[in-house]
C-alpha atoms as a PDB file:
ATOM      1  CA  MET A   1       5.707 -15.375 -15.567  1.00  0.00           C
ATOM      2  CA  GLU A   2       4.398 -12.080 -16.769  1.00  0.00           C
ATOM      3  CA  VAL A   3       1.808 -10.044 -14.881  1.00  0.00           C
ATOM      4  CA  SER A   4      -0.269 -10.031 -18.060  1.00  0.00           C
ATOM      5  CA  SER A   5      -1.227 -13.632 -17.274  1.00  0.00           C
ATOM      6  CA  LEU A   6      -2.558 -12.907 -13.773  1.00  0.00           C
ATOM      7  CA  PRO A   7      -6.294 -13.425 -13.280  1.00  0.00           C
ATOM      8  CA  ILE A   8      -6.965  -9.834 -12.206  1.00  0.00           C
ATOM      9  CA  SER A   9      -8.935  -7.063 -13.863  1.00  0.00           C
ATOM     10  CA  ALA A  10      -7.633  -5.691 -17.139  1.00  0.00           C
ATOM     11  CA  SER A  11      -7.359  -2.225 -15.603  1.00  0.00           C
ATOM     12  CA  LEU A  12      -5.119  -3.483 -12.780  1.00  0.00           C
ATOM     13  CA  ARG A  13      -2.960  -5.425 -15.259  1.00  0.00           C
ATOM     14  CA  ALA A  14      -2.570  -2.271 -17.352  1.00  0.00           C
ATOM     15  CA  LYS A  15      -1.619  -0.243 -14.277  1.00  0.00           C
ATOM     16  CA  LEU A  16       0.963  -2.832 -13.255  1.00  0.00           C
ATOM     17  CA  ILE A  17       2.566  -2.843 -16.684  1.00  0.00           C
ATOM     18  CA  SER A  18       2.467   0.957 -16.959  1.00  0.00           C
ATOM     19  CA  GLY A  19       4.045   1.149 -13.506  1.00  0.00           C
ATOM     20  CA  GLY A  20       6.949  -1.042 -14.587  1.00  0.00           C
ATOM     21  CA  TYR A  21       5.772  -4.242 -12.915  1.00  0.00           C
ATOM     22  CA  THR A  22       6.019  -6.617 -15.859  1.00  0.00           C
ATOM     23  CA  SER A  23       6.980  -9.872 -14.131  1.00  0.00           C
ATOM     24  CA  ILE A  24       5.545 -11.557 -11.089  1.00  0.00           C
ATOM     25  CA  SER A  25       8.979 -11.563  -9.473  1.00  0.00           C
ATOM     26  CA  SER A  26       9.064  -7.753  -9.699  1.00  0.00           C
ATOM     27  CA  LEU A  27       5.992  -7.620  -7.452  1.00  0.00           C
ATOM     28  CA  PHE A  28       7.785  -9.422  -4.635  1.00  0.00           C
ATOM     29  CA  SER A  29      10.651  -6.948  -4.460  1.00  0.00           C
ATOM     30  CA  VAL A  30       8.370  -4.224  -3.053  1.00  0.00           C
ATOM     31  CA  SER A  31       5.690  -3.924  -0.387  1.00  0.00           C
ATOM     32  CA  HIS A  32       1.970  -3.742  -1.021  1.00  0.00           C
ATOM     33  CA  SER A  33       2.120  -0.133   0.167  1.00  0.00           C
ATOM     34  CA  ASP A  34       4.693   0.656  -2.526  1.00  0.00           C
ATOM     35  CA  ILE A  35       2.526  -0.971  -5.189  1.00  0.00           C
ATOM     36  CA  ALA A  36      -0.535   0.929  -3.993  1.00  0.00           C
ATOM     37  CA  ARG A  37       1.341   4.228  -4.064  1.00  0.00           C
ATOM     38  CA  ASP A  38       3.013   3.586  -7.424  1.00  0.00           C
ATOM     39  CA  LEU A  39      -0.216   2.538  -9.134  1.00  0.00           C
ATOM     40  CA  LYS A  40      -2.532   4.908  -7.236  1.00  0.00           C
ATOM     41  CA  ILE A  41      -4.730   2.044  -6.066  1.00  0.00           C
ATOM     42  CA  SER A  42      -5.972   1.041  -2.625  1.00  0.00           C
ATOM     43  CA  GLU A  43      -3.809  -1.040  -0.331  1.00  0.00           C
ATOM     44  CA  ASN A  44      -6.512  -3.723  -0.435  1.00  0.00           C
ATOM     45  CA  GLU A  45      -6.198  -3.906  -4.223  1.00  0.00           C
ATOM     46  CA  ALA A  46      -2.423  -4.147  -3.896  1.00  0.00           C
ATOM     47  CA  LEU A  47      -2.769  -6.945  -1.344  1.00  0.00           C
ATOM     48  CA  GLU A  48      -5.124  -8.799  -3.685  1.00  0.00           C
ATOM     49  CA  ILE A  49      -2.610  -8.500  -6.529  1.00  0.00           C
ATOM     50  CA  LEU A  50       0.111  -9.947  -4.307  1.00  0.00           C
ATOM     51  CA  ARG A  51      -2.205 -12.724  -3.108  1.00  0.00           C
ATOM     52  CA  VAL A  52      -3.013 -13.779  -6.669  1.00  0.00           C
ATOM     53  CA  ALA A  53       0.628 -13.510  -7.733  1.00  0.00           C
ATOM     54  CA  SER A  54       1.715 -15.565  -4.728  1.00  0.00           C
ATOM     55  CA  GLN A  55      -0.786 -18.303  -5.581  1.00  0.00           C
ATOM     56  CA  ARG A  56       0.519 -18.401  -9.141  1.00  0.00           C
ATOM     57  CA  ARG A  57       4.128 -18.473  -7.975  1.00  0.00           C
ATOM     58  CA  GLY A  58       3.359 -21.245  -5.467  1.00  0.00           C
ATOM     59  CA  SER A  59       1.526 -23.342  -8.035  1.00  0.00           C
ATOM     60  CA  GLY A  60       4.609 -23.640 -10.227  1.00  0.00           C
ATOM     61  CA  LYS A  61       2.969 -21.803 -13.108  1.00  0.00           C
ATOM     62  CA  ILE A  62       5.799 -19.313 -13.415  1.00  0.00           C
END
């Protein structure tokens, strides 16, 4: 599943894609701290991205 399908803000989706995180699986190969640093977002925002991605992955919608 692509990050473009995640139910997060358009600005966060754009940052993920620009940062090279194009698939949900790519998010789980790094820590939330890495995502926050790479995208220049807060750690709370990075945790929320991972929470949403994890729910999607767990629901079988990949």
